[in-house]
Amino acid sequence: MHVIERETANFSHAEIGAYLLGLWGFPFSTVEAVAYHHTPQSASDAACDEVLVAVHVADALVHELSDPEYAGQLDAACLEQAGCSAMLPAWRQIAAEHVARVHGDVHDASLLSDDRPPRSSDLAAA
């Protein structure tokens, strides 16, 4: 979507969102996370902080789960740099479960396996 926005309007929802957040006085890390959530390595000094990683992963997983053509949009180098690439399988599982609960279907049913790592909510219920 952001590519089409750039081609047709010469700006994207990420840029408009970041601009508004800046006007509203949000912290720079939040503004930057919104601005670069499609291209995290383009952020200042290529720093993939927690906010940017969270927004990037959430956006990529939503697209990946809703349309398999979007698979592979995650920036593996950013996740590695942030030290959280090992968490990706668990995050995929959590996202798939959430989508399944909300919408009732997931394009890749294998994402709903029971071999995911336990979450704190699982441990509290035990």
C-alpha atoms as a PDB file:
ATOM      1  CA  MET A   1       0.000   0.000   0.000  1.00  0.00           C
ATOM      2  CA  HIS A   2       2.734   2.479   0.900  1.00  0.00           C
ATOM      3  CA  VAL A   3       4.387   1.913  -2.487  1.00  0.00           C
ATOM      4  CA  ILE A   4       1.147   2.755  -4.308  1.00  0.00           C
ATOM      5  CA  GLU A   5       0.679   5.823  -2.099  1.00  0.00           C
ATOM      6  CA  ARG A   6       4.185   6.988  -2.954  1.00  0.00           C
ATOM      7  CA  GLU A   7       3.627   6.428  -6.690  1.00  0.00           C
ATOM      8  CA  THR A   8       0.235   8.117  -6.852  1.00  0.00           C
ATOM      9  CA  ALA A   9       0.421  10.862  -4.228  1.00  0.00           C
ATOM     10  CA  ASN A  10       4.181  11.244  -3.657  1.00  0.00           C
ATOM     11  CA  PHE A  11       3.730  10.632   0.091  1.00  0.00           C
ATOM     12  CA  SER A  12       2.611   7.742   2.300  1.00  0.00           C
ATOM     13  CA  HIS A  13       0.408   7.153   5.314  1.00  0.00           C
ATOM     14  CA  ALA A  14       3.605   6.608   7.305  1.00  0.00           C
ATOM     15  CA  GLU A  15       4.896  10.093   6.481  1.00  0.00           C
ATOM     16  CA  ILE A  16       1.557  11.795   7.155  1.00  0.00           C
ATOM     17  CA  GLY A  17       1.144   9.888  10.420  1.00  0.00           C
ATOM     18  CA  ALA A  18       4.668  10.777  11.562  1.00  0.00           C
ATOM     19  CA  TYR A  19       4.161  14.418  10.628  1.00  0.00           C
ATOM     20  CA  LEU A  20       0.957  14.612  12.682  1.00  0.00           C
ATOM     21  CA  LEU A  21       2.549  12.853  15.660  1.00  0.00           C
ATOM     22  CA  GLY A  22       5.398  15.376  15.519  1.00  0.00           C
ATOM     23  CA  LEU A  23       2.942  18.281  15.469  1.00  0.00           C
ATOM     24  CA  TRP A  24       1.142  16.783  18.442  1.00  0.00           C
ATOM     25  CA  GLY A  25       4.365  16.562  20.438  1.00  0.00           C
ATOM     26  CA  PHE A  26       4.899  12.809  20.531  1.00  0.00           C
ATOM     27  CA  PRO A  27       8.408  11.593  21.417  1.00  0.00           C
ATOM     28  CA  PHE A  28      10.859  11.380  18.528  1.00  0.00           C
ATOM     29  CA  SER A  29      11.143   7.599  18.863  1.00  0.00           C
ATOM     30  CA  THR A  30       7.390   7.268  18.271  1.00  0.00           C
ATOM     31  CA  VAL A  31       7.438   9.674  15.311  1.00  0.00           C
ATOM     32  CA  GLU A  32      10.386   7.835  13.793  1.00  0.00           C
ATOM     33  CA  ALA A  33       8.764   4.433  14.359  1.00  0.00           C
ATOM     34  CA  VAL A  34       5.674   5.486  12.436  1.00  0.00           C
ATOM     35  CA  ALA A  35       7.678   7.183   9.679  1.00  0.00           C
ATOM     36  CA  TYR A  36       9.948   4.186   9.061  1.00  0.00           C
ATOM     37  CA  HIS A  37       7.795   1.192   9.973  1.00  0.00           C
ATOM     38  CA  HIS A  38       8.016  -0.088   6.375  1.00  0.00           C
ATOM     39  CA  THR A  39      11.766   0.585   6.066  1.00  0.00           C
ATOM     40  CA  PRO A  40      13.258   0.432   9.566  1.00  0.00           C
ATOM     41  CA  GLN A  41      16.864   0.428   8.369  1.00  0.00           C
ATOM     42  CA  SER A  42      16.240   3.934   6.956  1.00  0.00           C
ATOM     43  CA  ALA A  43      15.658   5.362  10.435  1.00  0.00           C
ATOM     44  CA  SER A  44      18.264   7.650  11.975  1.00  0.00           C
ATOM     45  CA  ASP A  45      21.624   5.899  12.271  1.00  0.00           C
ATOM     46  CA  ALA A  46      19.763   2.688  11.347  1.00  0.00           C
ATOM     47  CA  ALA A  47      18.855   2.183  14.993  1.00  0.00           C
ATOM     48  CA  CYS A  48      16.067  -0.339  15.410  1.00  0.00           C
ATOM     49  CA  ASP A  49      14.800   0.544  18.866  1.00  0.00           C
ATOM     50  CA  GLU A  50      11.950  -1.215  20.631  1.00  0.00           C
ATOM     51  CA  VAL A  51       9.229   1.151  19.414  1.00  0.00           C
ATOM     52  CA  LEU A  52      10.289   0.911  15.778  1.00  0.00           C
ATOM     53  CA  VAL A  53      10.620  -2.873  15.969  1.00  0.00           C
ATOM     54  CA  ALA A  54       7.165  -3.202  17.564  1.00  0.00           C
ATOM     55  CA  VAL A  55       5.450  -1.082  14.914  1.00  0.00           C
ATOM     56  CA  HIS A  56       7.393  -2.712  12.063  1.00  0.00           C
ATOM     57  CA  VAL A  57       6.650  -6.264  13.229  1.00  0.00           C
ATOM     58  CA  ALA A  58       2.975  -5.543  13.916  1.00  0.00           C
ATOM     59  CA  ASP A  59       2.488  -3.976  10.487  1.00  0.00           C
ATOM     60  CA  ALA A  60       4.351  -6.740   8.659  1.00  0.00           C
ATOM     61  CA  LEU A  61       2.529  -9.539  10.487  1.00  0.00           C
ATOM     62  CA  VAL A  62      -0.892  -8.029   9.815  1.00  0.00           C
ATOM     63  CA  HIS A  63      -0.103  -7.819   6.117  1.00  0.00           C
ATOM     64  CA  GLU A  64       1.463 -11.282   6.085  1.00  0.00           C
ATOM     65  CA  LEU A  65      -1.573 -12.865   7.736  1.00  0.00           C
ATOM     66  CA  SER A  66      -4.130 -11.046   5.614  1.00  0.00           C
ATOM     67  CA  ASP A  67      -2.403 -11.614   2.272  1.00  0.00           C
ATOM     68  CA  PRO A  68       0.280 -14.286   1.775  1.00  0.00           C
ATOM     69  CA  GLU A  69       1.867 -12.160  -0.983  1.00  0.00           C
ATOM     70  CA  TYR A  70       3.179  -9.889   1.775  1.00  0.00           C
ATOM     71  CA  ALA A  71       5.220 -12.670   3.408  1.00  0.00           C
ATOM     72  CA  GLY A  72       8.850 -11.692   3.709  1.00  0.00           C
ATOM     73  CA  GLN A  73       8.242  -8.001   4.408  1.00  0.00           C
ATOM     74  CA  LEU A  74       9.928  -8.212   7.808  1.00  0.00           C
ATOM     75  CA  ASP A  75      13.371  -6.649   7.970  1.00  0.00           C
ATOM     76  CA  ALA A  76      15.423  -9.523   9.404  1.00  0.00           C
ATOM     77  CA  ALA A  77      18.497  -7.315   9.857  1.00  0.00           C
ATOM     78  CA  CYS A  78      16.509  -4.896  12.013  1.00  0.00           C
ATOM     79  CA  LEU A  79      15.195  -7.721  14.198  1.00  0.00           C
ATOM     80  CA  GLU A  80      18.699  -9.143  14.523  1.00  0.00           C
ATOM     81  CA  GLN A  81      20.147  -5.735  15.408  1.00  0.00           C
ATOM     82  CA  ALA A  82      17.472  -5.254  18.070  1.00  0.00           C
ATOM     83  CA  GLY A  83      18.253  -8.706  19.478  1.00  0.00           C
ATOM     84  CA  CYS A  84      14.746 -10.044  19.075  1.00  0.00           C
ATOM     85  CA  SER A  85      14.793 -12.218  15.951  1.00  0.00           C
ATOM     86  CA  ALA A  86      14.378 -15.340  18.094  1.00  0.00           C
ATOM     87  CA  MET A  87      10.988 -14.009  19.226  1.00  0.00           C
ATOM     88  CA  LEU A  88       9.547 -13.872  15.704  1.00  0.00           C
ATOM     89  CA  PRO A  89       7.987 -17.378  15.698  1.00  0.00           C
ATOM     90  CA  ALA A  90       6.177 -16.628  18.957  1.00  0.00           C
ATOM     91  CA  TRP A  91       5.027 -13.231  17.666  1.00  0.00           C
ATOM     92  CA  ARG A  92       3.725 -14.854  14.473  1.00  0.00           C
ATOM     93  CA  GLN A  93       1.798 -17.361  16.548  1.00  0.00           C
ATOM     94  CA  ILE A  94       0.296 -14.694  18.802  1.00  0.00           C
ATOM     95  CA  ALA A  95      -0.709 -12.574  15.797  1.00  0.00           C
ATOM     96  CA  ALA A  96      -2.272 -15.566  14.027  1.00  0.00           C
ATOM     97  CA  GLU A  97      -4.258 -16.506  17.124  1.00  0.00           C
ATOM     98  CA  HIS A  98      -5.499 -12.948  17.497  1.00  0.00           C
ATOM     99  CA  VAL A  99      -6.545 -12.746  13.837  1.00  0.00           C
ATOM    100  CA  ALA A 100      -8.291 -16.106  14.130  1.00  0.00           C
ATOM    101  CA  ARG A 101     -10.214 -14.933  17.211  1.00  0.00           C
ATOM    102  CA  VAL A 102     -11.213 -11.620  15.671  1.00  0.00           C
ATOM    103  CA  HIS A 103     -11.903 -12.692  12.088  1.00  0.00           C
ATOM    104  CA  GLY A 104     -12.413 -16.411  12.355  1.00  0.00           C
ATOM    105  CA  ASP A 105      -9.836 -17.378   9.731  1.00  0.00           C
ATOM    106  CA  VAL A 106      -6.163 -17.287   8.902  1.00  0.00           C
ATOM    107  CA  HIS A 107      -4.717 -17.936   5.444  1.00  0.00           C
ATOM    108  CA  ASP A 108      -1.973 -20.142   6.894  1.00  0.00           C
ATOM    109  CA  ALA A 109      -3.525 -22.611   9.347  1.00  0.00           C
ATOM    110  CA  SER A 110      -0.068 -23.902  10.306  1.00  0.00           C
ATOM    111  CA  LEU A 111       0.371 -20.670  12.256  1.00  0.00           C
ATOM    112  CA  LEU A 112      -2.187 -21.965  14.751  1.00  0.00           C
ATOM    113  CA  SER A 113      -0.169 -24.950  15.996  1.00  0.00           C
ATOM    114  CA  ASP A 114      -0.015 -25.846  19.671  1.00  0.00           C
ATOM    115  CA  ASP A 115       3.780 -25.934  19.810  1.00  0.00           C
ATOM    116  CA  ARG A 116       4.177 -22.213  20.469  1.00  0.00           C
ATOM    117  CA  PRO A 117       6.056 -21.060  23.568  1.00  0.00           C
ATOM    118  CA  PRO A 118       3.848 -20.310  26.579  1.00  0.00           C
ATOM    119  CA  ARG A 119       2.815 -16.728  27.220  1.00  0.00           C
ATOM    120  CA  SER A 120       2.473 -15.151  30.654  1.00  0.00           C
ATOM    121  CA  SER A 121      -1.349 -15.320  30.303  1.00  0.00           C
ATOM    122  CA  ASP A 122      -1.059 -19.087  29.746  1.00  0.00           C
ATOM    123  CA  LEU A 123       0.973 -19.462  32.913  1.00  0.00           C
ATOM    124  CA  ALA A 124      -1.452 -17.341  34.959  1.00  0.00           C
ATOM    125  CA  ALA A 125      -4.383 -19.525  33.857  1.00  0.00           C
ATOM    126  CA  ALA A 126      -2.617 -22.752  34.858  1.00  0.00           C
END
